[in-house]
Amino acid sequence: AVFDFDTTKLSIFTRSVGLAGIEVYDILRDEYDIQMEFGDIAN
Protein backbone atom coordinates (compact mmCIF):
# COMPACT_ATOMS: atom_id res chain seq x y z
CA ALA A 1 0.00 0.00 0.00
CA VAL A 2 3.07 2.21 0.42
CA PHE A 3 5.11 0.84 -2.44
CA ASP A 4 7.38 3.89 -2.47
CA PHE A 5 7.61 7.36 -0.97
CA ASP A 6 8.40 10.73 -2.52
CA THR A 7 11.16 12.07 -0.28
CA THR A 8 10.63 15.63 -1.54
CA LYS A 9 7.36 15.72 0.45
CA LEU A 10 7.72 17.26 3.90
CA SER A 11 4.58 15.88 5.54
CA ILE A 12 4.44 16.49 9.29
CA PHE A 13 2.23 14.58 11.76
CA THR A 14 0.96 17.06 14.35
CA ARG A 15 -1.47 15.19 16.57
CA SER A 16 1.24 14.06 19.02
CA VAL A 17 1.62 17.66 20.20
CA GLY A 18 -2.13 17.94 20.70
CA LEU A 19 -2.79 20.08 17.63
CA ALA A 20 -4.70 19.38 14.44
CA GLY A 21 -2.73 19.97 11.27
CA ILE A 22 -5.01 22.85 10.32
CA GLU A 23 -4.32 24.49 13.69
CA VAL A 24 -0.58 24.31 13.09
CA TYR A 25 -1.16 25.65 9.57
CA ASP A 26 -3.07 28.64 10.97
CA ILE A 27 -0.54 29.36 13.75
CA LEU A 28 2.39 29.25 11.34
CA ARG A 29 0.68 31.69 8.98
CA ASP A 30 -0.80 34.05 11.57
CA GLU A 31 2.01 34.13 14.14
CA TYR A 32 5.15 33.28 12.17
CA ASP A 33 4.43 34.45 8.60
CA ILE A 34 5.03 30.95 7.27
CA GLN A 35 2.58 29.74 4.62
CA MET A 36 2.25 25.95 4.52
CA GLU A 37 0.61 24.09 1.63
CA PHE A 38 -2.22 22.72 3.74
CA GLY A 39 -3.26 21.38 7.10
CA ASP A 40 -5.76 18.61 7.72
CA ILE A 41 -6.99 16.86 10.83
CA ALA A 42 -3.64 15.40 11.86
CA ASN A 43 -0.98 16.59 9.40
PDB file of all heavy atoms in Angstrom:
ATOM      1  N   ALA A   1       0.825  -1.211   0.000  1.00  0.00           N
ATOM      2  CA  ALA A   1       0.000   0.000   0.000  1.00  0.00           C
ATOM      3  C   ALA A   1       0.858   1.261   0.000  1.00  0.00           C
ATOM      4  O   ALA A   1       0.433   2.312  -0.458  1.00  0.00           O
ATOM      5  CB  ALA A   1      -0.932   0.005   1.208  1.00  0.00           C
ATOM      6  N   VAL A   2       2.065   1.136   0.548  1.00  0.00           N
ATOM      7  CA  VAL A   2       3.071   2.205   0.417  1.00  0.00           C
ATOM      8  C   VAL A   2       4.243   1.586  -0.336  1.00  0.00           C
ATOM      9  O   VAL A   2       5.251   1.199   0.242  1.00  0.00           O
ATOM     10  CB  VAL A   2       3.528   2.754   1.782  1.00  0.00           C
ATOM     11  CG1 VAL A   2       4.421   3.987   1.583  1.00  0.00           C
ATOM     12  CG2 VAL A   2       2.335   3.114   2.655  1.00  0.00           C
ATOM     13  N   PHE A   3       4.078   1.486  -1.645  1.00  0.00           N
ATOM     14  CA  PHE A   3       5.113   0.838  -2.445  1.00  0.00           C
ATOM     15  C   PHE A   3       6.387   1.674  -2.464  1.00  0.00           C
ATOM     16  O   PHE A   3       7.498   1.154  -2.460  1.00  0.00           O
ATOM     17  CB  PHE A   3       4.611   0.613  -3.879  1.00  0.00           C
ATOM     18  CG  PHE A   3       5.641  -0.046  -4.751  1.00  0.00           C
ATOM     19  CD1 PHE A   3       5.875  -1.410  -4.644  1.00  0.00           C
ATOM     20  CD2 PHE A   3       6.391   0.688  -5.668  1.00  0.00           C
ATOM     21  CE1 PHE A   3       6.835  -2.030  -5.436  1.00  0.00           C
ATOM     22  CE2 PHE A   3       7.351   0.084  -6.459  1.00  0.00           C
ATOM     23  CZ  PHE A   3       7.574  -1.287  -6.349  1.00  0.00           C
ATOM     24  N   ASP A   4       6.224   2.991  -2.480  1.00  0.00           N
ATOM     25  CA  ASP A   4       7.377   3.888  -2.472  1.00  0.00           C
ATOM     26  C   ASP A   4       6.931   5.217  -1.869  1.00  0.00           C
ATOM     27  O   ASP A   4       5.737   5.451  -1.655  1.00  0.00           O
ATOM     28  CB  ASP A   4       7.930   4.093  -3.885  1.00  0.00           C
ATOM     29  CG  ASP A   4       9.420   4.420  -3.897  1.00  0.00           C
ATOM     30  OD1 ASP A   4       9.968   4.777  -2.826  1.00  0.00           O
ATOM     31  OD2 ASP A   4      10.049   4.332  -4.974  1.00  0.00           O
ATOM     32  N   PHE A   5       7.906   6.074  -1.589  1.00  0.00           N
ATOM     33  CA  PHE A   5       7.607   7.364  -0.967  1.00  0.00           C
ATOM     34  C   PHE A   5       8.420   8.461  -1.646  1.00  0.00           C
ATOM     35  O   PHE A   5       9.608   8.288  -1.925  1.00  0.00           O
ATOM     36  CB  PHE A   5       7.939   7.318   0.530  1.00  0.00           C
ATOM     37  CG  PHE A   5       7.542   8.574   1.271  1.00  0.00           C
ATOM     38  CD1 PHE A   5       6.243   8.757   1.720  1.00  0.00           C
ATOM     39  CD2 PHE A   5       8.472   9.587   1.514  1.00  0.00           C
ATOM     40  CE1 PHE A   5       5.871   9.916   2.395  1.00  0.00           C
ATOM     41  CE2 PHE A   5       8.108  10.738   2.184  1.00  0.00           C
ATOM     42  CZ  PHE A   5       6.806  10.906   2.625  1.00  0.00           C
ATOM     43  N   ASP A   6       7.751   9.575  -1.907  1.00  0.00           N
ATOM     44  CA  ASP A   6       8.402  10.731  -2.524  1.00  0.00           C
ATOM     45  C   ASP A   6       9.092  11.537  -1.432  1.00  0.00           C
ATOM     46  O   ASP A   6       8.451  12.241  -0.661  1.00  0.00           O
ATOM     47  CB  ASP A   6       7.353  11.587  -3.240  1.00  0.00           C
ATOM     48  CG  ASP A   6       7.926  12.885  -3.787  1.00  0.00           C
ATOM     49  OD1 ASP A   6       9.161  13.038  -3.821  1.00  0.00           O
ATOM     50  OD2 ASP A   6       7.129  13.756  -4.185  1.00  0.00           O
ATOM     51  N   THR A   7      10.410  11.441  -1.370  1.00  0.00           N
ATOM     52  CA  THR A   7      11.155  12.068  -0.278  1.00  0.00           C
ATOM     53  C   THR A   7      11.257  13.588  -0.416  1.00  0.00           C
ATOM     54  O   THR A   7      11.829  14.242   0.463  1.00  0.00           O
ATOM     55  CB  THR A   7      12.578  11.476  -0.165  1.00  0.00           C
ATOM     56  OG1 THR A   7      13.229  11.535  -1.442  1.00  0.00           O
ATOM     57  CG2 THR A   7      12.517  10.040   0.312  1.00  0.00           C
ATOM     58  N   THR A   8      10.695  14.165  -1.476  1.00  0.00           N
ATOM     59  CA  THR A   8      10.627  15.632  -1.538  1.00  0.00           C
ATOM     60  C   THR A   8       9.435  16.169  -0.739  1.00  0.00           C
ATOM     61  O   THR A   8       9.318  17.384  -0.552  1.00  0.00           O
ATOM     62  CB  THR A   8      10.532  16.151  -2.987  1.00  0.00           C
ATOM     63  OG1 THR A   8       9.235  15.843  -3.534  1.00  0.00           O
ATOM     64  CG2 THR A   8      11.614  15.565  -3.864  1.00  0.00           C
ATOM     65  N   LYS A   9       8.554  15.285  -0.297  1.00  0.00           N
ATOM     66  CA  LYS A   9       7.363  15.721   0.445  1.00  0.00           C
ATOM     67  C   LYS A   9       7.682  15.836   1.939  1.00  0.00           C
ATOM     68  O   LYS A   9       8.086  14.856   2.575  1.00  0.00           O
ATOM     69  CB  LYS A   9       6.202  14.745   0.226  1.00  0.00           C
ATOM     70  CG  LYS A   9       5.707  14.679  -1.211  1.00  0.00           C
ATOM     71  CD  LYS A   9       5.041  15.970  -1.648  1.00  0.00           C
ATOM     72  CE  LYS A   9       4.430  15.850  -3.033  1.00  0.00           C
ATOM     73  NZ  LYS A   9       5.434  15.693  -4.103  1.00  0.00           N
ATOM     74  N   LEU A  10       7.493  17.035   2.473  1.00  0.00           N
ATOM     75  CA  LEU A  10       7.719  17.263   3.899  1.00  0.00           C
ATOM     76  C   LEU A  10       6.368  17.272   4.612  1.00  0.00           C
ATOM     77  O   LEU A  10       5.787  18.319   4.907  1.00  0.00           O
ATOM     78  CB  LEU A  10       8.474  18.577   4.115  1.00  0.00           C
ATOM     79  CG  LEU A  10       8.882  18.914   5.562  1.00  0.00           C
ATOM     80  CD1 LEU A  10       9.655  17.766   6.210  1.00  0.00           C
ATOM     81  CD2 LEU A  10       9.691  20.201   5.599  1.00  0.00           C
ATOM     82  N   SER A  11       5.853  16.074   4.837  1.00  0.00           N
ATOM     83  CA  SER A  11       4.582  15.879   5.539  1.00  0.00           C
ATOM     84  C   SER A  11       4.871  15.720   7.025  1.00  0.00           C
ATOM     85  O   SER A  11       5.743  14.932   7.405  1.00  0.00           O
ATOM     86  CB  SER A  11       3.872  14.637   5.013  1.00  0.00           C
ATOM     87  OG  SER A  11       3.655  14.722   3.617  1.00  0.00           O
ATOM     88  N   ILE A  12       4.142  16.458   7.854  1.00  0.00           N
ATOM     89  CA  ILE A  12       4.438  16.490   9.288  1.00  0.00           C
ATOM     90  C   ILE A  12       3.192  16.100  10.082  1.00  0.00           C
ATOM     91  O   ILE A  12       2.139  16.748   9.970  1.00  0.00           O
ATOM     92  CB  ILE A  12       4.911  17.891   9.727  1.00  0.00           C
ATOM     93  CG1 ILE A  12       6.100  18.348   8.878  1.00  0.00           C
ATOM     94  CG2 ILE A  12       5.268  17.897  11.210  1.00  0.00           C
ATOM     95  CD1 ILE A  12       6.399  19.830   8.992  1.00  0.00           C
ATOM     96  N   PHE A  13       3.310  15.044  10.872  1.00  0.00           N
ATOM     97  CA  PHE A  13       2.232  14.583  11.758  1.00  0.00           C
ATOM     98  C   PHE A  13       2.219  15.479  12.995  1.00  0.00           C
ATOM     99  O   PHE A  13       3.243  15.654  13.662  1.00  0.00           O
ATOM    100  CB  PHE A  13       2.485  13.124  12.126  1.00  0.00           C
ATOM    101  CG  PHE A  13       1.472  12.526  13.053  1.00  0.00           C
ATOM    102  CD1 PHE A  13       0.150  12.371  12.667  1.00  0.00           C
ATOM    103  CD2 PHE A  13       1.848  12.079  14.316  1.00  0.00           C
ATOM    104  CE1 PHE A  13      -0.782  11.791  13.512  1.00  0.00           C
ATOM    105  CE2 PHE A  13       0.920  11.493  15.172  1.00  0.00           C
ATOM    106  CZ  PHE A  13      -0.393  11.354  14.770  1.00  0.00           C
ATOM    107  N   THR A  14       1.045  16.051  13.288  1.00  0.00           N
ATOM    108  CA  THR A  14       0.959  17.063  14.346  1.00  0.00           C
ATOM    109  C   THR A  14       0.200  16.611  15.587  1.00  0.00           C
ATOM    110  O   THR A  14       0.282  17.263  16.631  1.00  0.00           O
ATOM    111  CB  THR A  14       0.256  18.323  13.797  1.00  0.00           C
ATOM    112  OG1 THR A  14      -1.115  18.006  13.497  1.00  0.00           O
ATOM    113  CG2 THR A  14       0.946  18.855  12.555  1.00  0.00           C
ATOM    114  N   ARG A  15      -0.536  15.527  15.497  1.00  0.00           N
ATOM    115  CA  ARG A  15      -1.468  15.189  16.573  1.00  0.00           C
ATOM    116  C   ARG A  15      -0.754  14.861  17.892  1.00  0.00           C
ATOM    117  O   ARG A  15      -1.316  15.039  18.973  1.00  0.00           O
ATOM    118  CB  ARG A  15      -2.359  14.029  16.140  1.00  0.00           C
ATOM    119  CG  ARG A  15      -3.668  13.954  16.931  1.00  0.00           C
ATOM    120  CD  ARG A  15      -4.647  12.959  16.344  1.00  0.00           C
ATOM    121  NE  ARG A  15      -4.133  11.611  16.393  1.00  0.00           N
ATOM    122  CZ  ARG A  15      -4.233  10.729  15.404  1.00  0.00           C
ATOM    123  NH1 ARG A  15      -4.823  11.081  14.277  1.00  0.00           N
ATOM    124  NH2 ARG A  15      -3.743   9.516  15.521  1.00  0.00           N
ATOM    125  N   SER A  16       0.511  14.414  17.802  1.00  0.00           N
ATOM    126  CA  SER A  16       1.241  14.058  19.021  1.00  0.00           C
ATOM    127  C   SER A  16       1.499  15.256  19.932  1.00  0.00           C
ATOM    128  O   SER A  16       1.743  15.086  21.129  1.00  0.00           O
ATOM    129  CB  SER A  16       2.577  13.397  18.664  1.00  0.00           C
ATOM    130  OG  SER A  16       2.365  12.164  18.012  1.00  0.00           O
ATOM    131  N   VAL A  17       1.449  16.468  19.365  1.00  0.00           N
ATOM    132  CA  VAL A  17       1.616  17.657  20.202  1.00  0.00           C
ATOM    133  C   VAL A  17       0.255  18.261  20.558  1.00  0.00           C
ATOM    134  O   VAL A  17       0.166  19.388  21.051  1.00  0.00           O
ATOM    135  CB  VAL A  17       2.527  18.715  19.534  1.00  0.00           C
ATOM    136  CG1 VAL A  17       3.930  18.183  19.360  1.00  0.00           C
ATOM    137  CG2 VAL A  17       1.962  19.179  18.200  1.00  0.00           C
ATOM    138  N   GLY A  18      -0.797  17.507  20.288  1.00  0.00           N
ATOM    139  CA  GLY A  18      -2.132  17.938  20.700  1.00  0.00           C
ATOM    140  C   GLY A  18      -2.768  18.966  19.801  1.00  0.00           C
ATOM    141  O   GLY A  18      -3.730  19.635  20.196  1.00  0.00           O
ATOM    142  N   LEU A  19      -2.265  19.090  18.571  1.00  0.00           N
ATOM    143  CA  LEU A  19      -2.792  20.082  17.633  1.00  0.00           C
ATOM    144  C   LEU A  19      -3.184  19.415  16.322  1.00  0.00           C
ATOM    145  O   LEU A  19      -2.462  18.541  15.819  1.00  0.00           O
ATOM    146  CB  LEU A  19      -1.743  21.157  17.344  1.00  0.00           C
ATOM    147  CG  LEU A  19      -1.321  22.048  18.521  1.00  0.00           C
ATOM    148  CD1 LEU A  19      -0.095  22.877  18.142  1.00  0.00           C
ATOM    149  CD2 LEU A  19      -2.471  22.948  18.958  1.00  0.00           C
ATOM    150  N   ALA A  20      -4.325  19.822  15.781  1.00  0.00           N
ATOM    151  CA  ALA A  20      -4.698  19.383  14.437  1.00  0.00           C
ATOM    152  C   ALA A  20      -3.758  20.041  13.428  1.00  0.00           C
ATOM    153  O   ALA A  20      -3.217  21.129  13.673  1.00  0.00           O
ATOM    154  CB  ALA A  20      -6.141  19.757  14.131  1.00  0.00           C
ATOM    155  N   GLY A  21      -3.589  19.399  12.300  1.00  0.00           N
ATOM    156  CA  GLY A  21      -2.727  19.966  11.265  1.00  0.00           C
ATOM    157  C   GLY A  21      -3.171  21.344  10.838  1.00  0.00           C
ATOM    158  O   GLY A  21      -2.345  22.236  10.595  1.00  0.00           O
ATOM    159  N   ILE A  22      -4.492  21.550  10.746  1.00  0.00           N
ATOM    160  CA  ILE A  22      -5.007  22.850  10.316  1.00  0.00           C
ATOM    161  C   ILE A  22      -4.728  23.917  11.368  1.00  0.00           C
ATOM    162  O   ILE A  22      -4.523  25.094  11.041  1.00  0.00           O
ATOM    163  CB  ILE A  22      -6.529  22.766   9.999  1.00  0.00           C
ATOM    164  CG1 ILE A  22      -7.026  24.086   9.395  1.00  0.00           C
ATOM    165  CG2 ILE A  22      -7.320  22.364  11.216  1.00  0.00           C
ATOM    166  CD1 ILE A  22      -6.384  24.479   8.092  1.00  0.00           C
ATOM    167  N   GLU A  23      -4.671  23.526  12.645  1.00  0.00           N
ATOM    168  CA  GLU A  23      -4.323  24.488  13.694  1.00  0.00           C
ATOM    169  C   GLU A  23      -2.871  24.927  13.566  1.00  0.00           C
ATOM    170  O   GLU A  23      -2.552  26.115  13.718  1.00  0.00           O
ATOM    171  CB  GLU A  23      -4.586  23.879  15.070  1.00  0.00           C
ATOM    172  CG  GLU A  23      -6.064  23.668  15.366  1.00  0.00           C
ATOM    173  CD  GLU A  23      -6.292  22.989  16.704  1.00  0.00           C
ATOM    174  OE1 GLU A  23      -5.709  21.920  16.942  1.00  0.00           O
ATOM    175  OE2 GLU A  23      -7.070  23.528  17.510  1.00  0.00           O
ATOM    176  N   VAL A  24      -1.993  23.987  13.286  1.00  0.00           N
ATOM    177  CA  VAL A  24      -0.577  24.315  13.086  1.00  0.00           C
ATOM    178  C   VAL A  24      -0.423  25.197  11.852  1.00  0.00           C
ATOM    179  O   VAL A  24       0.335  26.180  11.851  1.00  0.00           O
ATOM    180  CB  VAL A  24       0.273  23.034  12.962  1.00  0.00           C
ATOM    181  CG1 VAL A  24       1.723  23.366  12.666  1.00  0.00           C
ATOM    182  CG2 VAL A  24       0.166  22.203  14.237  1.00  0.00           C
ATOM    183  N   TYR A  25      -1.144  24.854  10.802  1.00  0.00           N
ATOM    184  CA  TYR A  25      -1.161  25.653   9.571  1.00  0.00           C
ATOM    185  C   TYR A  25      -1.534  27.105   9.873  1.00  0.00           C
ATOM    186  O   TYR A  25      -0.875  28.047   9.428  1.00  0.00           O
ATOM    187  CB  TYR A  25      -2.161  25.007   8.610  1.00  0.00           C
ATOM    188  CG  TYR A  25      -2.505  25.770   7.354  1.00  0.00           C
ATOM    189  CD1 TYR A  25      -1.857  25.488   6.148  1.00  0.00           C
ATOM    190  CD2 TYR A  25      -3.515  26.728   7.355  1.00  0.00           C
ATOM    191  CE1 TYR A  25      -2.195  26.157   4.985  1.00  0.00           C
ATOM    192  CE2 TYR A  25      -3.859  27.410   6.200  1.00  0.00           C
ATOM    193  CZ  TYR A  25      -3.198  27.121   5.013  1.00  0.00           C
ATOM    194  OH  TYR A  25      -3.545  27.793   3.866  1.00  0.00           O
ATOM    195  N   ASP A  26      -2.600  27.292  10.644  1.00  0.00           N
ATOM    196  CA  ASP A  26      -3.069  28.644  10.968  1.00  0.00           C
ATOM    197  C   ASP A  26      -2.071  29.390  11.848  1.00  0.00           C
ATOM    198  O   ASP A  26      -1.811  30.587  11.637  1.00  0.00           O
ATOM    199  CB  ASP A  26      -4.426  28.578  11.676  1.00  0.00           C
ATOM    200  CG  ASP A  26      -5.572  28.241  10.724  1.00  0.00           C
ATOM    201  OD1 ASP A  26      -5.412  28.457   9.502  1.00  0.00           O
ATOM    202  OD2 ASP A  26      -6.626  27.772  11.197  1.00  0.00           O
ATOM    203  N   ILE A  27      -1.511  28.703  12.847  1.00  0.00           N
ATOM    204  CA  ILE A  27      -0.543  29.356  13.747  1.00  0.00           C
ATOM    205  C   ILE A  27       0.702  29.780  12.974  1.00  0.00           C
ATOM    206  O   ILE A  27       1.215  30.893  13.166  1.00  0.00           O
ATOM    207  CB  ILE A  27      -0.174  28.419  14.910  1.00  0.00           C
ATOM    208  CG1 ILE A  27      -1.390  28.162  15.804  1.00  0.00           C
ATOM    209  CG2 ILE A  27       0.977  29.008  15.738  1.00  0.00           C
ATOM    210  CD1 ILE A  27      -1.188  27.031  16.804  1.00  0.00           C
ATOM    211  N   LEU A  28       1.197  28.911  12.121  1.00  0.00           N
ATOM    212  CA  LEU A  28       2.391  29.246  11.336  1.00  0.00           C
ATOM    213  C   LEU A  28       2.155  30.473  10.466  1.00  0.00           C
ATOM    214  O   LEU A  28       3.018  31.346  10.347  1.00  0.00           O
ATOM    215  CB  LEU A  28       2.804  28.046  10.476  1.00  0.00           C
ATOM    216  CG  LEU A  28       3.521  26.911  11.217  1.00  0.00           C
ATOM    217  CD1 LEU A  28       3.630  25.676  10.325  1.00  0.00           C
ATOM    218  CD2 LEU A  28       4.920  27.349  11.667  1.00  0.00           C
ATOM    219  N   ARG A  29       0.979  30.542   9.853  1.00  0.00           N
ATOM    220  CA  ARG A  29       0.683  31.686   8.982  1.00  0.00           C
ATOM    221  C   ARG A  29       0.450  32.962   9.789  1.00  0.00           C
ATOM    222  O   ARG A  29       1.010  34.017   9.483  1.00  0.00           O
ATOM    223  CB  ARG A  29      -0.557  31.380   8.136  1.00  0.00           C
ATOM    224  CG  ARG A  29      -0.928  32.501   7.148  1.00  0.00           C
ATOM    225  CD  ARG A  29      -2.354  32.329   6.644  1.00  0.00           C
ATOM    226  NE  ARG A  29      -3.311  32.360   7.737  1.00  0.00           N
ATOM    227  CZ  ARG A  29      -4.234  31.417   7.955  1.00  0.00           C
ATOM    228  NH1 ARG A  29      -4.330  30.381   7.161  1.00  0.00           N
ATOM    229  NH2 ARG A  29      -5.068  31.520   8.995  1.00  0.00           N
ATOM    230  N   ASP A  30      -0.372  32.864  10.835  1.00  0.00           N
ATOM    231  CA  ASP A  30      -0.802  34.052  11.568  1.00  0.00           C
ATOM    232  C   ASP A  30       0.258  34.585  12.522  1.00  0.00           C
ATOM    233  O   ASP A  30       0.357  35.804  12.720  1.00  0.00           O
ATOM    234  CB  ASP A  30      -2.081  33.751  12.357  1.00  0.00           C
ATOM    235  CG  ASP A  30      -3.256  33.400  11.454  1.00  0.00           C
ATOM    236  OD1 ASP A  30      -3.197  33.718  10.253  1.00  0.00           O
ATOM    237  OD2 ASP A  30      -4.232  32.792  11.962  1.00  0.00           O
ATOM    238  N   GLU A  31       1.045  33.697  13.120  1.00  0.00           N
ATOM    239  CA  GLU A  31       2.006  34.130  14.136  1.00  0.00           C
ATOM    240  C   GLU A  31       3.453  34.157  13.650  1.00  0.00           C
ATOM    241  O   GLU A  31       4.284  34.867  14.224  1.00  0.00           O
ATOM    242  CB  GLU A  31       1.916  33.193  15.359  1.00  0.00           C
ATOM    243  CG  GLU A  31       0.528  33.106  15.978  1.00  0.00           C
ATOM    244  CD  GLU A  31       0.049  34.428  16.538  1.00  0.00           C
ATOM    245  OE1 GLU A  31       0.908  35.236  16.971  1.00  0.00           O
ATOM    246  OE2 GLU A  31      -1.179  34.676  16.536  1.00  0.00           O
ATOM    247  N   TYR A  32       3.756  33.390  12.594  1.00  0.00           N
ATOM    248  CA  TYR A  32       5.153  33.282  12.169  1.00  0.00           C
ATOM    249  C   TYR A  32       5.377  33.655  10.706  1.00  0.00           C
ATOM    250  O   TYR A  32       6.500  33.553  10.205  1.00  0.00           O
ATOM    251  CB  TYR A  32       5.666  31.848  12.420  1.00  0.00           C
ATOM    252  CG  TYR A  32       5.654  31.480  13.884  1.00  0.00           C
ATOM    253  CD1 TYR A  32       4.525  30.881  14.463  1.00  0.00           C
ATOM    254  CD2 TYR A  32       6.754  31.730  14.694  1.00  0.00           C
ATOM    255  CE1 TYR A  32       4.495  30.549  15.807  1.00  0.00           C
ATOM    256  CE2 TYR A  32       6.744  31.394  16.045  1.00  0.00           C
ATOM    257  CZ  TYR A  32       5.614  30.813  16.590  1.00  0.00           C
ATOM    258  OH  TYR A  32       5.595  30.486  17.927  1.00  0.00           O
ATOM    259  N   ASP A  33       4.323  34.081  10.026  1.00  0.00           N
ATOM    260  CA  ASP A  33       4.427  34.454   8.604  1.00  0.00           C
ATOM    261  C   ASP A  33       5.017  33.329   7.753  1.00  0.00           C
ATOM    262  O   ASP A  33       5.828  33.563   6.847  1.00  0.00           O
ATOM    263  CB  ASP A  33       5.269  35.730   8.435  1.00  0.00           C
ATOM    264  CG  ASP A  33       4.572  36.946   9.016  1.00  0.00           C
ATOM    265  OD1 ASP A  33       3.325  36.977   9.011  1.00  0.00           O
ATOM    266  OD2 ASP A  33       5.273  37.857   9.482  1.00  0.00           O
ATOM    267  N   ILE A  34       4.611  32.112   8.051  1.00  0.00           N
ATOM    268  CA  ILE A  34       5.034  30.946   7.267  1.00  0.00           C
ATOM    269  C   ILE A  34       3.782  30.335   6.652  1.00  0.00           C
ATOM    270  O   ILE A  34       2.859  29.931   7.375  1.00  0.00           O
ATOM    271  CB  ILE A  34       5.765  29.913   8.148  1.00  0.00           C
ATOM    272  CG1 ILE A  34       7.089  30.505   8.669  1.00  0.00           C
ATOM    273  CG2 ILE A  34       6.021  28.618   7.369  1.00  0.00           C
ATOM    274  CD1 ILE A  34       7.810  29.609   9.661  1.00  0.00           C
ATOM    275  N   GLN A  35       3.750  30.271   5.323  1.00  0.00           N
ATOM    276  CA  GLN A  35       2.581  29.736   4.616  1.00  0.00           C
ATOM    277  C   GLN A  35       2.830  28.292   4.213  1.00  0.00           C
ATOM    278  O   GLN A  35       3.626  28.013   3.321  1.00  0.00           O
ATOM    279  CB  GLN A  35       2.270  30.572   3.376  1.00  0.00           C
ATOM    280  CG  GLN A  35       1.056  30.096   2.594  1.00  0.00           C
ATOM    281  CD  GLN A  35      -0.219  30.159   3.408  1.00  0.00           C
ATOM    282  OE1 GLN A  35      -0.586  31.212   3.921  1.00  0.00           O
ATOM    283  NE2 GLN A  35      -0.896  29.027   3.554  1.00  0.00           N
ATOM    284  N   MET A  36       2.153  27.363   4.875  1.00  0.00           N
ATOM    285  CA  MET A  36       2.247  25.946   4.523  1.00  0.00           C
ATOM    286  C   MET A  36       1.315  25.654   3.348  1.00  0.00           C
ATOM    287  O   MET A  36       0.426  26.449   3.017  1.00  0.00           O
ATOM    288  CB  MET A  36       1.888  25.086   5.729  1.00  0.00           C
ATOM    289  CG  MET A  36       2.763  25.328   6.947  1.00  0.00           C
ATOM    290  SD  MET A  36       4.466  24.762   6.722  1.00  0.00           S
ATOM    291  CE  MET A  36       4.279  23.025   7.168  1.00  0.00           C
ATOM    292  N   GLU A  37       1.470  24.482   2.740  1.00  0.00           N
ATOM    293  CA  GLU A  37       0.613  24.094   1.631  1.00  0.00           C
ATOM    294  C   GLU A  37      -0.801  23.778   2.118  1.00  0.00           C
ATOM    295  O   GLU A  37      -1.772  24.233   1.541  1.00  0.00           O
ATOM    296  CB  GLU A  37       1.207  22.886   0.899  1.00  0.00           C
ATOM    297  CG  GLU A  37       0.323  22.268  -0.162  1.00  0.00           C
ATOM    298  CD  GLU A  37       0.039  23.183  -1.339  1.00  0.00           C
ATOM    299  OE1 GLU A  37       0.711  24.233  -1.463  1.00  0.00           O
ATOM    300  OE2 GLU A  37      -0.845  22.854  -2.141  1.00  0.00           O
ATOM    301  N   PHE A  38      -0.908  22.989   3.165  1.00  0.00           N
ATOM    302  CA  PHE A  38      -2.219  22.720   3.742  1.00  0.00           C
ATOM    303  C   PHE A  38      -2.078  22.094   5.127  1.00  0.00           C
ATOM    304  O   PHE A  38      -1.003  21.640   5.525  1.00  0.00           O
ATOM    305  CB  PHE A  38      -3.079  21.817   2.840  1.00  0.00           C
ATOM    306  CG  PHE A  38      -2.744  20.348   2.899  1.00  0.00           C
ATOM    307  CD1 PHE A  38      -3.349  19.518   3.832  1.00  0.00           C
ATOM    308  CD2 PHE A  38      -1.847  19.792   2.018  1.00  0.00           C
ATOM    309  CE1 PHE A  38      -3.044  18.158   3.886  1.00  0.00           C
ATOM    310  CE2 PHE A  38      -1.544  18.440   2.055  1.00  0.00           C
ATOM    311  CZ  PHE A  38      -2.138  17.623   2.999  1.00  0.00           C
ATOM    312  N   GLY A  39      -3.174  22.104   5.846  1.00  0.00           N
ATOM    313  CA  GLY A  39      -3.264  21.382   7.098  1.00  0.00           C
ATOM    314  C   GLY A  39      -4.559  20.606   7.106  1.00  0.00           C
ATOM    315  O   GLY A  39      -5.591  21.107   6.650  1.00  0.00           O
ATOM    316  N   ASP A  40      -4.529  19.391   7.613  1.00  0.00           N
ATOM    317  CA  ASP A  40      -5.764  18.614   7.716  1.00  0.00           C
ATOM    318  C   ASP A  40      -6.020  18.292   9.189  1.00  0.00           C
ATOM    319  O   ASP A  40      -5.625  19.047  10.065  1.00  0.00           O
ATOM    320  CB  ASP A  40      -5.713  17.371   6.822  1.00  0.00           C
ATOM    321  CG  ASP A  40      -4.554  16.440   7.158  1.00  0.00           C
ATOM    322  OD1 ASP A  40      -4.168  16.363   8.343  1.00  0.00           O
ATOM    323  OD2 ASP A  40      -4.033  15.784   6.242  1.00  0.00           O
ATOM    324  N   ILE A  41      -6.644  17.183   9.461  1.00  0.00           N
ATOM    325  CA  ILE A  41      -6.993  16.860  10.834  1.00  0.00           C
ATOM    326  C   ILE A  41      -5.776  16.502  11.683  1.00  0.00           C
ATOM    327  O   ILE A  41      -5.709  16.822  12.861  1.00  0.00           O
ATOM    328  CB  ILE A  41      -8.017  15.702  10.868  1.00  0.00           C
ATOM    329  CG1 ILE A  41      -9.309  16.125  10.150  1.00  0.00           C
ATOM    330  CG2 ILE A  41      -8.333  15.279  12.299  1.00  0.00           C
ATOM    331  CD1 ILE A  41      -9.947  17.377  10.710  1.00  0.00           C
ATOM    332  N   ALA A  42      -4.777  15.884  11.066  1.00  0.00           N
ATOM    333  CA  ALA A  42      -3.640  15.400  11.863  1.00  0.00           C
ATOM    334  C   ALA A  42      -2.280  15.697  11.236  1.00  0.00           C
ATOM    335  O   ALA A  42      -1.260  15.295  11.797  1.00  0.00           O
ATOM    336  CB  ALA A  42      -3.774  13.893  12.091  1.00  0.00           C
ATOM    337  N   ASN A  43      -2.248  16.370  10.098  1.00  0.00           N
ATOM    338  CA  ASN A  43      -0.983  16.590   9.396  1.00  0.00           C
ATOM    339  C   ASN A  43      -0.940  17.977   8.773  1.00  0.00           C
ATOM    340  O   ASN A  43      -1.976  18.583   8.482  1.00  0.00           O
ATOM    341  CB  ASN A  43      -0.817  15.565   8.259  1.00  0.00           C
ATOM    342  CG  ASN A  43      -0.885  14.131   8.730  1.00  0.00           C
ATOM    343  OD1 ASN A  43       0.122  13.522   9.042  1.00  0.00           O
ATOM    344  ND2 ASN A  43      -2.094  13.578   8.796  1.00  0.00           N
TER     345      ASN A  43
END
